[in-house]
Amino acid sequence: MIQRLEVGPRMSQAVVHGNTVYLAGQVADDTKADVAGQTRQVLATIDRLLAAAGTDKTKLLAATIYLSDIATFAQMNAVWDAWVAAGNTPARATVQAALATPAYKVEIVVIAAR
């Protein structure tokens, strides 16, 4: 069975298949915030979507983080490190990428177990 959450015309924000939850890339609503502020917003959205799918950040399997400027890696990591569940850190990659709009400073994709 496949369950889709917050279904839109182009994508669903979360898709559950079996005991795996796949989140779409999440970006900040307030694009005026710096990378730390945008990261906080994104992680709050991830928390909300994971909860809606019946799981939480302690069950993260993988994360891919896209930064518009790799020079902001330390600022993003400071927020990530305060958020991620100690002892339950996922496999992770972080890359610099051109995001959908220049106002986005960070986009995060996660996969979690349920």
PDB file of N, CA and C in Angstrom:
ATOM      1  N   MET A   1       0.834  -1.186   0.000  1.00  0.00           N
ATOM      2  CA  MET A   1       0.000   0.000   0.000  1.00  0.00           C
ATOM      3  C   MET A   1       0.876   1.245   0.000  1.00  0.00           C
ATOM      4  N   ILE A   2       0.463   2.248  -0.727  1.00  0.00           N
ATOM      5  CA  ILE A   2       1.152   3.533  -0.785  1.00  0.00           C
ATOM      6  C   ILE A   2       0.225   4.595  -0.228  1.00  0.00           C
ATOM      7  N   GLN A   3       0.756   5.396   0.691  1.00  0.00           N
ATOM      8  CA  GLN A   3       0.002   6.513   1.273  1.00  0.00           C
ATOM      9  C   GLN A   3       0.733   7.795   0.902  1.00  0.00           C
ATOM     10  N   ARG A   4      -0.004   8.790   0.410  1.00  0.00           N
ATOM     11  CA  ARG A   4       0.582  10.066   0.029  1.00  0.00           C
ATOM     12  C   ARG A   4       0.016  11.161   0.925  1.00  0.00           C
ATOM     13  N   LEU A   5       0.898  12.021   1.427  1.00  0.00           N
ATOM     14  CA  LEU A   5       0.492  13.112   2.308  1.00  0.00           C
ATOM     15  C   LEU A   5       0.745  14.459   1.627  1.00  0.00           C
ATOM     16  N   GLU A   6      -0.194  15.371   1.813  1.00  0.00           N
ATOM     17  CA  GLU A   6      -0.096  16.715   1.225  1.00  0.00           C
ATOM     18  C   GLU A   6       0.190  16.617  -0.277  1.00  0.00           C
ATOM     19  N   VAL A   7      -0.745  15.982  -0.948  1.00  0.00           N
ATOM     20  CA  VAL A   7      -0.631  15.734  -2.383  1.00  0.00           C
ATOM     21  C   VAL A   7      -0.894  17.018  -3.158  1.00  0.00           C
ATOM     22  N   GLY A   8       0.003  17.322  -4.073  1.00  0.00           N
ATOM     23  CA  GLY A   8      -0.163  18.479  -4.947  1.00  0.00           C
ATOM     24  C   GLY A   8      -0.158  18.037  -6.393  1.00  0.00           C
ATOM     25  N   PRO A   9      -0.305  18.964  -7.320  1.00  0.00           N
ATOM     26  CA  PRO A   9      -0.345  18.604  -8.740  1.00  0.00           C
ATOM     27  C   PRO A   9       0.999  18.106  -9.266  1.00  0.00           C
ATOM     28  N   ARG A  10       2.091  18.502  -8.635  1.00  0.00           N
ATOM     29  CA  ARG A  10       3.418  18.117  -9.114  1.00  0.00           C
ATOM     30  C   ARG A  10       4.068  17.058  -8.241  1.00  0.00           C
ATOM     31  N   MET A  11       3.782  17.095  -6.928  1.00  0.00           N
ATOM     32  CA  MET A  11       4.430  16.159  -6.004  1.00  0.00           C
ATOM     33  C   MET A  11       3.647  16.068  -4.713  1.00  0.00           C
ATOM     34  N   SER A  12       3.929  15.013  -3.971  1.00  0.00           N
ATOM     35  CA  SER A  12       3.421  14.860  -2.611  1.00  0.00           C
ATOM     36  C   SER A  12       4.544  15.256  -1.667  1.00  0.00           C
ATOM     37  N   GLN A  13       4.207  15.842  -0.530  1.00  0.00           N
ATOM     38  CA  GLN A  13       5.235  16.237   0.428  1.00  0.00           C
ATOM     39  C   GLN A  13       5.830  15.030   1.144  1.00  0.00           C
ATOM     40  N   ALA A  14       5.036  13.966   1.262  1.00  0.00           N
ATOM     41  CA  ALA A  14       5.537  12.727   1.869  1.00  0.00           C
ATOM     42  C   ALA A  14       4.828  11.555   1.208  1.00  0.00           C
ATOM     43  N   VAL A  15       5.568  10.459   1.050  1.00  0.00           N
ATOM     44  CA  VAL A  15       5.007   9.223   0.513  1.00  0.00           C
ATOM     45  C   VAL A  15       5.456   8.094   1.433  1.00  0.00           C
ATOM     46  N   VAL A  16       4.480   7.290   1.863  1.00  0.00           N
ATOM     47  CA  VAL A  16       4.774   6.149   2.726  1.00  0.00           C
ATOM     48  C   VAL A  16       4.544   4.884   1.914  1.00  0.00           C
ATOM     49  N   HIS A  17       5.543   4.017   1.902  1.00  0.00           N
ATOM     50  CA  HIS A  17       5.433   2.717   1.249  1.00  0.00           C
ATOM     51  C   HIS A  17       5.934   1.682   2.238  1.00  0.00           C
ATOM     52  N   GLY A  18       5.055   0.814   2.672  1.00  0.00           N
ATOM     53  CA  GLY A  18       5.439  -0.147   3.706  1.00  0.00           C
ATOM     54  C   GLY A  18       5.828   0.593   4.971  1.00  0.00           C
ATOM     55  N   ASN A  19       7.010   0.336   5.453  1.00  0.00           N
ATOM     56  CA  ASN A  19       7.491   1.008   6.659  1.00  0.00           C
ATOM     57  C   ASN A  19       8.553   2.048   6.367  1.00  0.00           C
ATOM     58  N   THR A  20       8.528   2.594   5.132  1.00  0.00           N
ATOM     59  CA  THR A  20       9.488   3.625   4.754  1.00  0.00           C
ATOM     60  C   THR A  20       8.746   4.899   4.368  1.00  0.00           C
ATOM     61  N   VAL A  21       9.260   6.032   4.863  1.00  0.00           N
ATOM     62  CA  VAL A  21       8.666   7.344   4.591  1.00  0.00           C
ATOM     63  C   VAL A  21       9.670   8.159   3.780  1.00  0.00           C
ATOM     64  N   TYR A  22       9.226   8.657   2.645  1.00  0.00           N
ATOM     65  CA  TYR A  22      10.050   9.478   1.756  1.00  0.00           C
ATOM     66  C   TYR A  22       9.495  10.895   1.763  1.00  0.00           C
ATOM     67  N   LEU A  23      10.318  11.857   2.112  1.00  0.00           N
ATOM     68  CA  LEU A  23       9.887  13.248   2.072  1.00  0.00           C
ATOM     69  C   LEU A  23      10.432  13.931   0.830  1.00  0.00           C
ATOM     70  N   ALA A  24       9.618  14.809   0.264  1.00  0.00           N
ATOM     71  CA  ALA A  24      10.083  15.663  -0.830  1.00  0.00           C
ATOM     72  C   ALA A  24      11.100  16.644  -0.260  1.00  0.00           C
ATOM     73  N   GLY A  25      11.850  17.271  -1.124  1.00  0.00           N
ATOM     74  CA  GLY A  25      12.781  18.304  -0.674  1.00  0.00           C
ATOM     75  C   GLY A  25      12.016  19.424   0.004  1.00  0.00           C
ATOM     76  N   GLN A  26      12.453  19.782   1.202  1.00  0.00           N
ATOM     77  CA  GLN A  26      11.765  20.815   1.982  1.00  0.00           C
ATOM     78  C   GLN A  26      12.596  22.093   1.983  1.00  0.00           C
ATOM     79  N   VAL A  27      11.910  23.209   1.791  1.00  0.00           N
ATOM     80  CA  VAL A  27      12.547  24.520   1.791  1.00  0.00           C
ATOM     81  C   VAL A  27      11.815  25.435   2.767  1.00  0.00           C
ATOM     82  N   ALA A  28      12.429  26.549   3.085  1.00  0.00           N
ATOM     83  CA  ALA A  28      11.869  27.501   4.051  1.00  0.00           C
ATOM     84  C   ALA A  28      10.708  28.291   3.459  1.00  0.00           C
ATOM     85  N   ASP A  29       9.775  28.667   4.328  1.00  0.00           N
ATOM     86  CA  ASP A  29       8.696  29.575   3.927  1.00  0.00           C
ATOM     87  C   ASP A  29       9.186  31.019   3.942  1.00  0.00           C
ATOM     88  N   ASP A  30       9.997  31.361   4.947  1.00  0.00           N
ATOM     89  CA  ASP A  30      10.541  32.719   5.072  1.00  0.00           C
ATOM     90  C   ASP A  30      11.925  32.748   4.435  1.00  0.00           C
ATOM     91  N   THR A  31      11.972  33.139   3.187  1.00  0.00           N
ATOM     92  CA  THR A  31      13.234  33.125   2.458  1.00  0.00           C
ATOM     93  C   THR A  31      14.126  34.320   2.794  1.00  0.00           C
ATOM     94  N   LYS A  32      13.638  35.222   3.637  1.00  0.00           N
ATOM     95  CA  LYS A  32      14.479  36.347   4.066  1.00  0.00           C
ATOM     96  C   LYS A  32      15.439  35.929   5.172  1.00  0.00           C
ATOM     97  N   ALA A  33      15.181  34.788   5.799  1.00  0.00           N
ATOM     98  CA  ALA A  33      16.032  34.291   6.878  1.00  0.00           C
ATOM     99  C   ALA A  33      17.388  33.852   6.326  1.00  0.00           C
ATOM    100  N   ASP A  34      18.405  33.890   7.183  1.00  0.00           N
ATOM    101  CA  ASP A  34      19.718  33.382   6.779  1.00  0.00           C
ATOM    102  C   ASP A  34      19.678  31.859   6.736  1.00  0.00           C
ATOM    103  N   VAL A  35      20.798  31.222   6.409  1.00  0.00           N
ATOM    104  CA  VAL A  35      20.796  29.765   6.254  1.00  0.00           C
ATOM    105  C   VAL A  35      20.424  29.064   7.552  1.00  0.00           C
ATOM    106  N   ALA A  36      20.847  29.595   8.691  1.00  0.00           N
ATOM    107  CA  ALA A  36      20.478  28.975   9.976  1.00  0.00           C
ATOM    108  C   ALA A  36      18.968  29.062  10.196  1.00  0.00           C
ATOM    109  N   GLY A  37      18.409  30.227   9.939  1.00  0.00           N
ATOM    110  CA  GLY A  37      16.963  30.398  10.093  1.00  0.00           C
ATOM    111  C   GLY A  37      16.175  29.533   9.129  1.00  0.00           C
ATOM    112  N   GLN A  38      16.627  29.456   7.884  1.00  0.00           N
ATOM    113  CA  GLN A  38      15.949  28.600   6.914  1.00  0.00           C
ATOM    114  C   GLN A  38      16.081  27.132   7.310  1.00  0.00           C
ATOM    115  N   THR A  39      17.236  26.738   7.815  1.00  0.00           N
ATOM    116  CA  THR A  39      17.419  25.343   8.242  1.00  0.00           C
ATOM    117  C   THR A  39      16.465  25.010   9.376  1.00  0.00           C
ATOM    118  N   ARG A  40      16.305  25.916  10.340  1.00  0.00           N
ATOM    119  CA  ARG A  40      15.361  25.683  11.444  1.00  0.00           C
ATOM    120  C   ARG A  40      13.945  25.475  10.919  1.00  0.00           C
ATOM    121  N   GLN A  41      13.542  26.311   9.970  1.00  0.00           N
ATOM    122  CA  GLN A  41      12.206  26.190   9.383  1.00  0.00           C
ATOM    123  C   GLN A  41      12.033  24.840   8.694  1.00  0.00           C
ATOM    124  N   VAL A  42      13.024  24.458   7.907  1.00  0.00           N
ATOM    125  CA  VAL A  42      12.961  23.198   7.169  1.00  0.00           C
ATOM    126  C   VAL A  42      12.872  22.015   8.136  1.00  0.00           C
ATOM    127  N   LEU A  43      13.683  22.030   9.180  1.00  0.00           N
ATOM    128  CA  LEU A  43      13.667  20.918  10.143  1.00  0.00           C
ATOM    129  C   LEU A  43      12.334  20.849  10.882  1.00  0.00           C
ATOM    130  N   ALA A  44      11.718  21.984  11.165  1.00  0.00           N
ATOM    131  CA  ALA A  44      10.395  21.985  11.791  1.00  0.00           C
ATOM    132  C   ALA A  44       9.362  21.361  10.849  1.00  0.00           C
ATOM    133  N   THR A  45       9.461  21.667   9.576  1.00  0.00           N
ATOM    134  CA  THR A  45       8.559  21.066   8.592  1.00  0.00           C
ATOM    135  C   THR A  45       8.793  19.561   8.502  1.00  0.00           C
ATOM    136  N   ILE A  46      10.044  19.150   8.516  1.00  0.00           N
ATOM    137  CA  ILE A  46      10.361  17.722   8.491  1.00  0.00           C
ATOM    138  C   ILE A  46       9.768  17.028   9.711  1.00  0.00           C
ATOM    139  N   ASP A  47       9.923  17.624  10.890  1.00  0.00           N
ATOM    140  CA  ASP A  47       9.317  17.056  12.105  1.00  0.00           C
ATOM    141  C   ASP A  47       7.813  16.869  11.926  1.00  0.00           C
ATOM    142  N   ARG A  48       7.148  17.889  11.380  1.00  0.00           N
ATOM    143  CA  ARG A  48       5.692  17.848  11.196  1.00  0.00           C
ATOM    144  C   ARG A  48       5.296  16.758  10.213  1.00  0.00           C
ATOM    145  N   LEU A  49       5.989  16.667   9.093  1.00  0.00           N
ATOM    146  CA  LEU A  49       5.656  15.662   8.084  1.00  0.00           C
ATOM    147  C   LEU A  49       5.942  14.248   8.586  1.00  0.00           C
ATOM    148  N   LEU A  50       7.046  14.071   9.281  1.00  0.00           N
ATOM    149  CA  LEU A  50       7.344  12.745   9.832  1.00  0.00           C
ATOM    150  C   LEU A  50       6.268  12.326  10.830  1.00  0.00           C
ATOM    151  N   ALA A  51       5.838  13.253  11.680  1.00  0.00           N
ATOM    152  CA  ALA A  51       4.780  12.945  12.655  1.00  0.00           C
ATOM    153  C   ALA A  51       3.490  12.554  11.934  1.00  0.00           C
ATOM    154  N   ALA A  52       3.156  13.280  10.877  1.00  0.00           N
ATOM    155  CA  ALA A  52       1.940  12.964  10.113  1.00  0.00           C
ATOM    156  C   ALA A  52       2.024  11.578   9.481  1.00  0.00           C
ATOM    157  N   ALA A  53       3.246  11.135   9.186  1.00  0.00           N
ATOM    158  CA  ALA A  53       3.452   9.822   8.582  1.00  0.00           C
ATOM    159  C   ALA A  53       3.641   8.725   9.630  1.00  0.00           C
ATOM    160  N   GLY A  54       3.581   9.088  10.917  1.00  0.00           N
ATOM    161  CA  GLY A  54       3.681   8.089  11.974  1.00  0.00           C
ATOM    162  C   GLY A  54       5.089   7.740  12.395  1.00  0.00           C
ATOM    163  N   THR A  55       6.014   8.691  12.243  1.00  0.00           N
ATOM    164  CA  THR A  55       7.400   8.440  12.642  1.00  0.00           C
ATOM    165  C   THR A  55       8.021   9.722  13.179  1.00  0.00           C
ATOM    166  N   ASP A  56       9.317   9.714  13.387  1.00  0.00           N
ATOM    167  CA  ASP A  56      10.010  10.908  13.880  1.00  0.00           C
ATOM    168  C   ASP A  56      11.483  10.851  13.514  1.00  0.00           C
ATOM    169  N   LYS A  57      12.209  11.896  13.879  1.00  0.00           N
ATOM    170  CA  LYS A  57      13.610  12.031  13.475  1.00  0.00           C
ATOM    171  C   LYS A  57      14.524  10.962  14.054  1.00  0.00           C
ATOM    172  N   THR A  58      14.101  10.246  15.075  1.00  0.00           N
ATOM    173  CA  THR A  58      14.942   9.170  15.617  1.00  0.00           C
ATOM    174  C   THR A  58      15.012   7.988  14.660  1.00  0.00           C
ATOM    175  N   LYS A  59      14.146   7.984  13.659  1.00  0.00           N
ATOM    176  CA  LYS A  59      14.100   6.869  12.707  1.00  0.00           C
ATOM    177  C   LYS A  59      14.592   7.270  11.312  1.00  0.00           C
ATOM    178  N   LEU A  60      15.323   8.388  11.233  1.00  0.00           N
ATOM    179  CA  LEU A  60      15.876   8.804   9.945  1.00  0.00           C
ATOM    180  C   LEU A  60      16.842   7.755   9.421  1.00  0.00           C
ATOM    181  N   LEU A  61      16.727   7.463   8.147  1.00  0.00           N
ATOM    182  CA  LEU A  61      17.639   6.534   7.478  1.00  0.00           C
ATOM    183  C   LEU A  61      18.681   7.290   6.671  1.00  0.00           C
ATOM    184  N   ALA A  62      18.249   8.311   5.952  1.00  0.00           N
ATOM    185  CA  ALA A  62      19.143   9.055   5.068  1.00  0.00           C
ATOM    186  C   ALA A  62      18.679  10.497   4.950  1.00  0.00           C
ATOM    187  N   ALA A  63      19.633  11.381   4.707  1.00  0.00           N
ATOM    188  CA  ALA A  63      19.334  12.795   4.470  1.00  0.00           C
ATOM    189  C   ALA A  63      20.262  13.312   3.381  1.00  0.00           C
ATOM    190  N   THR A  64      19.700  14.114   2.501  1.00  0.00           N
ATOM    191  CA  THR A  64      20.498  14.829   1.516  1.00  0.00           C
ATOM    192  C   THR A  64      20.214  16.301   1.707  1.00  0.00           C
ATOM    193  N   ILE A  65      21.281  17.069   1.893  1.00  0.00           N
ATOM    194  CA  ILE A  65      21.160  18.502   2.149  1.00  0.00           C
ATOM    195  C   ILE A  65      21.787  19.250   0.984  1.00  0.00           C
ATOM    196  N   TYR A  66      21.015  20.154   0.420  1.00  0.00           N
ATOM    197  CA  TYR A  66      21.474  20.988  -0.682  1.00  0.00           C
ATOM    198  C   TYR A  66      21.651  22.407  -0.161  1.00  0.00           C
ATOM    199  N   LEU A  67      22.820  22.968  -0.331  1.00  0.00           N
ATOM    200  CA  LEU A  67      23.105  24.341   0.067  1.00  0.00           C
ATOM    201  C   LEU A  67      23.359  25.178  -1.177  1.00  0.00           C
ATOM    202  N   SER A  68      22.799  26.377  -1.222  1.00  0.00           N
ATOM    203  CA  SER A  68      23.063  27.255  -2.369  1.00  0.00           C
ATOM    204  C   SER A  68      24.505  27.755  -2.329  1.00  0.00           C
ATOM    205  N   ASP A  69      25.097  27.775  -1.128  1.00  0.00           N
ATOM    206  CA  ASP A  69      26.485  28.224  -0.966  1.00  0.00           C
ATOM    207  C   ASP A  69      27.158  27.341   0.079  1.00  0.00           C
ATOM    208  N   ILE A  70      28.109  26.522  -0.333  1.00  0.00           N
ATOM    209  CA  ILE A  70      28.773  25.593   0.581  1.00  0.00           C
ATOM    210  C   ILE A  70      29.521  26.336   1.694  1.00  0.00           C
ATOM    211  N   ALA A  71      29.768  27.619   1.524  1.00  0.00           N
ATOM    212  CA  ALA A  71      30.418  28.413   2.571  1.00  0.00           C
ATOM    213  C   ALA A  71      29.536  28.522   3.815  1.00  0.00           C
ATOM    214  N   THR A  72      28.234  28.207   3.684  1.00  0.00           N
ATOM    215  CA  THR A  72      27.318  28.261   4.824  1.00  0.00           C
ATOM    216  C   THR A  72      27.182  26.910   5.523  1.00  0.00           C
ATOM    217  N   PHE A  73      28.044  25.964   5.148  1.00  0.00           N
ATOM    218  CA  PHE A  73      28.011  24.606   5.704  1.00  0.00           C
ATOM    219  C   PHE A  73      28.045  24.603   7.232  1.00  0.00           C
ATOM    220  N   ALA A  74      28.933  25.365   7.842  1.00  0.00           N
ATOM    221  CA  ALA A  74      29.067  25.381   9.307  1.00  0.00           C
ATOM    222  C   ALA A  74      27.806  25.930   9.975  1.00  0.00           C
ATOM    223  N   GLN A  75      27.212  26.977   9.412  1.00  0.00           N
ATOM    224  CA  GLN A  75      25.989  27.542  10.002  1.00  0.00           C
ATOM    225  C   GLN A  75      24.838  26.547   9.929  1.00  0.00           C
ATOM    226  N   MET A  76      24.686  25.881   8.786  1.00  0.00           N
ATOM    227  CA  MET A  76      23.636  24.871   8.651  1.00  0.00           C
ATOM    228  C   MET A  76      23.895  23.727   9.619  1.00  0.00           C
ATOM    229  N   ASN A  77      25.155  23.275   9.706  1.00  0.00           N
ATOM    230  CA  ASN A  77      25.497  22.155  10.580  1.00  0.00           C
ATOM    231  C   ASN A  77      25.221  22.463  12.048  1.00  0.00           C
ATOM    232  N   ALA A  78      25.424  23.705  12.468  1.00  0.00           N
ATOM    233  CA  ALA A  78      25.158  24.067  13.864  1.00  0.00           C
ATOM    234  C   ALA A  78      23.690  23.826  14.207  1.00  0.00           C
ATOM    235  N   VAL A  79      22.797  24.161  13.296  1.00  0.00           N
ATOM    236  CA  VAL A  79      21.364  23.941  13.509  1.00  0.00           C
ATOM    237  C   VAL A  79      21.048  22.449  13.407  1.00  0.00           C
ATOM    238  N   TRP A  80      21.583  21.793  12.395  1.00  0.00           N
ATOM    239  CA  TRP A  80      21.366  20.352  12.214  1.00  0.00           C
ATOM    240  C   TRP A  80      21.813  19.581  13.447  1.00  0.00           C
ATOM    241  N   ASP A  81      23.031  19.869  13.922  1.00  0.00           N
ATOM    242  CA  ASP A  81      23.593  19.132  15.053  1.00  0.00           C
ATOM    243  C   ASP A  81      22.751  19.286  16.321  1.00  0.00           C
ATOM    244  N   ALA A  82      22.135  20.453  16.503  1.00  0.00           N
ATOM    245  CA  ALA A  82      21.267  20.673  17.666  1.00  0.00           C
ATOM    246  C   ALA A  82      19.942  19.930  17.512  1.00  0.00           C
ATOM    247  N   TRP A  83      19.545  19.645  16.288  1.00  0.00           N
ATOM    248  CA  TRP A  83      18.253  19.011  16.006  1.00  0.00           C
ATOM    249  C   TRP A  83      18.326  17.496  15.921  1.00  0.00           C
ATOM    250  N   VAL A  84      19.324  16.969  15.250  1.00  0.00           N
ATOM    251  CA  VAL A  84      19.373  15.535  14.962  1.00  0.00           C
ATOM    252  C   VAL A  84      19.461  14.739  16.265  1.00  0.00           C
ATOM    253  N   ALA A  85      18.821  13.582  16.286  1.00  0.00           N
ATOM    254  CA  ALA A  85      18.778  12.754  17.498  1.00  0.00           C
ATOM    255  C   ALA A  85      20.120  12.050  17.708  1.00  0.00           C
ATOM    256  N   ALA A  86      20.779  12.372  18.807  1.00  0.00           N
ATOM    257  CA  ALA A  86      22.075  11.766  19.119  1.00  0.00           C
ATOM    258  C   ALA A  86      21.945  10.246  19.130  1.00  0.00           C
ATOM    259  N   GLY A  87      22.900   9.586  18.507  1.00  0.00           N
ATOM    260  CA  GLY A  87      22.877   8.132  18.434  1.00  0.00           C
ATOM    261  C   GLY A  87      21.992   7.580  17.341  1.00  0.00           C
ATOM    262  N   ASN A  88      21.229   8.438  16.687  1.00  0.00           N
ATOM    263  CA  ASN A  88      20.333   8.030  15.603  1.00  0.00           C
ATOM    264  C   ASN A  88      20.571   8.859  14.347  1.00  0.00           C
ATOM    265  N   THR A  89      21.808   9.250  14.127  1.00  0.00           N
ATOM    266  CA  THR A  89      22.101  10.074  12.965  1.00  0.00           C
ATOM    267  C   THR A  89      21.982   9.248  11.683  1.00  0.00           C
ATOM    268  N   PRO A  90      21.404   9.842  10.634  1.00  0.00           N
ATOM    269  CA  PRO A  90      21.218   9.115   9.382  1.00  0.00           C
ATOM    270  C   PRO A  90      22.481   9.129   8.530  1.00  0.00           C
ATOM    271  N   ALA A  91      22.499   8.301   7.510  1.00  0.00           N
ATOM    272  CA  ALA A  91      23.481   8.474   6.443  1.00  0.00           C
ATOM    273  C   ALA A  91      23.163   9.837   5.824  1.00  0.00           C
ATOM    274  N   ARG A  92      24.199  10.596   5.452  1.00  0.00           N
ATOM    275  CA  ARG A  92      23.930  11.962   5.002  1.00  0.00           C
ATOM    276  C   ARG A  92      24.934  12.408   3.960  1.00  0.00           C
ATOM    277  N   ALA A  93      24.455  13.202   3.022  1.00  0.00           N
ATOM    278  CA  ALA A  93      25.309  13.875   2.051  1.00  0.00           C
ATOM    279  C   ALA A  93      24.911  15.340   2.027  1.00  0.00           C
ATOM    280  N   THR A  94      25.888  16.215   1.836  1.00  0.00           N
ATOM    281  CA  THR A  94      25.623  17.646   1.697  1.00  0.00           C
ATOM    282  C   THR A  94      26.365  18.130   0.460  1.00  0.00           C
ATOM    283  N   VAL A  95      25.647  18.827  -0.402  1.00  0.00           N
ATOM    284  CA  VAL A  95      26.245  19.325  -1.635  1.00  0.00           C
ATOM    285  C   VAL A  95      25.815  20.764  -1.886  1.00  0.00           C
ATOM    286  N   GLN A  96      26.625  21.464  -2.655  1.00  0.00           N
ATOM    287  CA  GLN A  96      26.234  22.793  -3.127  1.00  0.00           C
ATOM    288  C   GLN A  96      25.450  22.609  -4.413  1.00  0.00           C
ATOM    289  N   ALA A  97      24.345  23.340  -4.532  1.00  0.00           N
ATOM    290  CA  ALA A  97      23.500  23.223  -5.721  1.00  0.00           C
ATOM    291  C   ALA A  97      22.751  24.517  -5.970  1.00  0.00           C
ATOM    292  N   ALA A  98      22.435  24.758  -7.224  1.00  0.00           N
ATOM    293  CA  ALA A  98      21.535  25.857  -7.568  1.00  0.00           C
ATOM    294  C   ALA A  98      20.132  25.372  -7.222  1.00  0.00           C
ATOM    295  N   LEU A  99      19.457  26.070  -6.307  1.00  0.00           N
ATOM    296  CA  LEU A  99      18.119  25.656  -5.879  1.00  0.00           C
ATOM    297  C   LEU A  99      17.062  26.311  -6.768  1.00  0.00           C
ATOM    298  N   ALA A 100      15.807  25.946  -6.560  1.00  0.00           N
ATOM    299  CA  ALA A 100      14.716  26.367  -7.448  1.00  0.00           C
ATOM    300  C   ALA A 100      14.594  27.886  -7.578  1.00  0.00           C
ATOM    301  N   THR A 101      14.946  28.603  -6.526  1.00  0.00           N
ATOM    302  CA  THR A 101      14.952  30.061  -6.567  1.00  0.00           C
ATOM    303  C   THR A 101      16.161  30.534  -5.765  1.00  0.00           C
ATOM    304  N   PRO A 102      16.777  31.632  -6.161  1.00  0.00           N
ATOM    305  CA  PRO A 102      17.956  32.119  -5.435  1.00  0.00           C
ATOM    306  C   PRO A 102      17.675  32.465  -3.972  1.00  0.00           C
ATOM    307  N   ALA A 103      16.427  32.678  -3.612  1.00  0.00           N
ATOM    308  CA  ALA A 103      16.087  33.011  -2.223  1.00  0.00           C
ATOM    309  C   ALA A 103      16.239  31.811  -1.291  1.00  0.00           C
ATOM    310  N   TYR A 104      16.175  30.606  -1.830  1.00  0.00           N
ATOM    311  CA  TYR A 104      16.363  29.410  -1.006  1.00  0.00           C
ATOM    312  C   TYR A 104      17.850  29.216  -0.738  1.00  0.00           C
ATOM    313  N   LYS A 105      18.174  29.034   0.531  1.00  0.00           N
ATOM    314  CA  LYS A 105      19.570  28.821   0.916  1.00  0.00           C
ATOM    315  C   LYS A 105      19.848  27.352   1.258  1.00  0.00           C
ATOM    316  N   VAL A 106      18.787  26.600   1.576  1.00  0.00           N
ATOM    317  CA  VAL A 106      18.945  25.196   1.949  1.00  0.00           C
ATOM    318  C   VAL A 106      17.686  24.428   1.554  1.00  0.00           C
ATOM    319  N   GLU A 107      17.887  23.201   1.122  1.00  0.00           N
ATOM    320  CA  GLU A 107      16.791  22.269   0.849  1.00  0.00           C
ATOM    321  C   GLU A 107      17.226  20.921   1.416  1.00  0.00           C
ATOM    322  N   ILE A 108      16.317  20.252   2.128  1.00  0.00           N
ATOM    323  CA  ILE A 108      16.656  18.979   2.767  1.00  0.00           C
ATOM    324  C   ILE A 108      15.644  17.922   2.368  1.00  0.00           C
ATOM    325  N   VAL A 109      16.175  16.753   1.994  1.00  0.00           N
ATOM    326  CA  VAL A 109      15.369  15.571   1.659  1.00  0.00           C
ATOM    327  C   VAL A 109      15.720  14.486   2.664  1.00  0.00           C
ATOM    328  N   VAL A 110      14.716  13.835   3.253  1.00  0.00           N
ATOM    329  CA  VAL A 110      14.993  12.742   4.171  1.00  0.00           C
ATOM    330  C   VAL A 110      14.154  11.514   3.842  1.00  0.00           C
ATOM    331  N   ILE A 111      14.675  10.374   4.265  1.00  0.00           N
ATOM    332  CA  ILE A 111      13.973   9.105   4.214  1.00  0.00           C
ATOM    333  C   ILE A 111      14.009   8.554   5.642  1.00  0.00           C
ATOM    334  N   ALA A 112      12.889   8.032   6.113  1.00  0.00           N
ATOM    335  CA  ALA A 112      12.813   7.524   7.477  1.00  0.00           C
ATOM    336  C   ALA A 112      12.073   6.194   7.513  1.00  0.00           C
ATOM    337  N   ALA A 113      12.366   5.420   8.528  1.00  0.00           N
ATOM    338  CA  ALA A 113      11.606   4.197   8.816  1.00  0.00           C
ATOM    339  C   ALA A 113      10.389   4.594   9.623  1.00  0.00           C
ATOM    340  N   ARG A 114       9.393   3.724   9.613  1.00  0.00           N
ATOM    341  CA  ARG A 114       8.192   3.972  10.409  1.00  0.00           C
ATOM    342  C   ARG A 114       8.079   2.951  11.500  1.00  0.00           C
TER     343      ARG A 114
END
